[in-house]
Amino acid sequence: MYDYSVVLGLLRASAADLLRHALSNEQARIARMTTVRTLRNRALLIAQRLQGMAKARRRAFVEAAIRHL
């Protein structure tokens, strides 16, 4: 089951991974794109969209949303 806290944790992990593997000239841009406020808002939006979605589609939706961070 994906709720807000799980989605936020997945987003934070993905953002940290992106920042860790980014080139030095890209790190500032990625840091601006993945602020705490941005990640919270994105997690809230994803959690709200999951409420009306069929259980079979939830996992694919969450994976795609996190991949397109």
Protein backbone atom coordinates (compact mmCIF):
# COMPACT_ATOMS: atom_id res chain seq x y z
CA MET A 1 0.00 0.00 0.00
CA TYR A 2 1.33 3.39 -0.94
CA ASP A 3 0.52 6.25 1.37
CA TYR A 4 2.05 9.72 1.68
CA SER A 5 4.96 8.71 3.91
CA VAL A 6 5.97 5.78 1.70
CA VAL A 7 5.85 7.88 -1.45
CA LEU A 8 7.81 10.68 0.23
CA GLY A 9 10.47 8.19 1.33
CA LEU A 10 10.76 6.81 -2.20
CA LEU A 11 11.06 10.33 -3.62
CA ARG A 12 13.76 11.26 -1.11
CA ALA A 13 15.73 8.11 -1.92
CA SER A 14 15.44 8.78 -5.64
CA ALA A 15 16.51 12.42 -5.20
CA ALA A 16 19.53 11.39 -3.13
CA ASP A 17 20.50 8.84 -5.76
CA LEU A 18 20.17 11.42 -8.54
CA LEU A 19 22.29 13.90 -6.62
CA ARG A 20 24.92 11.29 -5.83
CA HIS A 21 25.32 10.25 -9.47
CA ALA A 22 25.08 13.72 -11.03
CA LEU A 23 27.99 15.49 -12.58
CA SER A 24 29.33 18.39 -10.56
CA ASN A 25 27.86 21.00 -12.91
CA GLU A 26 24.39 19.37 -12.65
CA GLN A 27 24.30 19.04 -8.85
CA ALA A 28 23.09 22.59 -8.19
CA ARG A 29 20.21 22.21 -10.67
CA ILE A 30 19.16 18.88 -9.18
CA ALA A 31 19.37 20.28 -5.65
CA ARG A 32 17.00 23.10 -6.66
CA MET A 33 14.58 20.63 -8.26
CA THR A 34 14.51 18.36 -5.20
CA THR A 35 13.97 20.70 -2.27
CA VAL A 36 12.06 19.44 0.75
CA ARG A 37 9.03 21.50 -0.20
CA THR A 38 9.05 20.20 -3.78
CA LEU A 39 9.31 16.58 -2.66
CA ARG A 40 6.50 17.02 -0.14
CA ASN A 41 4.21 18.60 -2.72
CA ARG A 42 4.99 15.90 -5.27
CA ALA A 43 4.40 13.13 -2.71
CA LEU A 44 1.06 14.67 -1.74
CA LEU A 45 -0.01 14.88 -5.37
CA ILE A 46 1.00 11.28 -6.06
CA ALA A 47 -0.78 10.02 -2.92
CA GLN A 48 -3.96 11.87 -3.90
CA ARG A 49 -3.91 10.42 -7.41
CA LEU A 50 -3.44 6.92 -6.00
CA GLN A 51 -6.66 7.13 -4.00
CA GLY A 52 -8.86 6.96 -7.08
CA MET A 53 -6.74 4.42 -8.92
CA ALA A 54 -7.23 0.69 -9.23
CA LYS A 55 -4.83 -1.37 -7.13
CA ALA A 56 -3.39 -3.07 -10.20
CA ARG A 57 -2.14 0.23 -11.65
CA ARG A 58 -0.76 1.79 -8.45
CA ARG A 59 2.68 0.20 -8.48
CA ALA A 60 3.37 1.12 -12.10
CA PHE A 61 2.14 4.67 -11.51
CA VAL A 62 4.36 5.17 -8.44
CA GLU A 63 7.41 3.75 -10.21
CA ALA A 64 6.86 6.00 -13.23
CA ALA A 65 6.25 9.09 -11.08
CA ILE A 66 9.43 8.53 -9.09
CA ARG A 67 11.47 7.73 -12.20
CA HIS A 68 10.40 11.06 -13.75
CA LEU A 69 11.61 13.08 -10.78
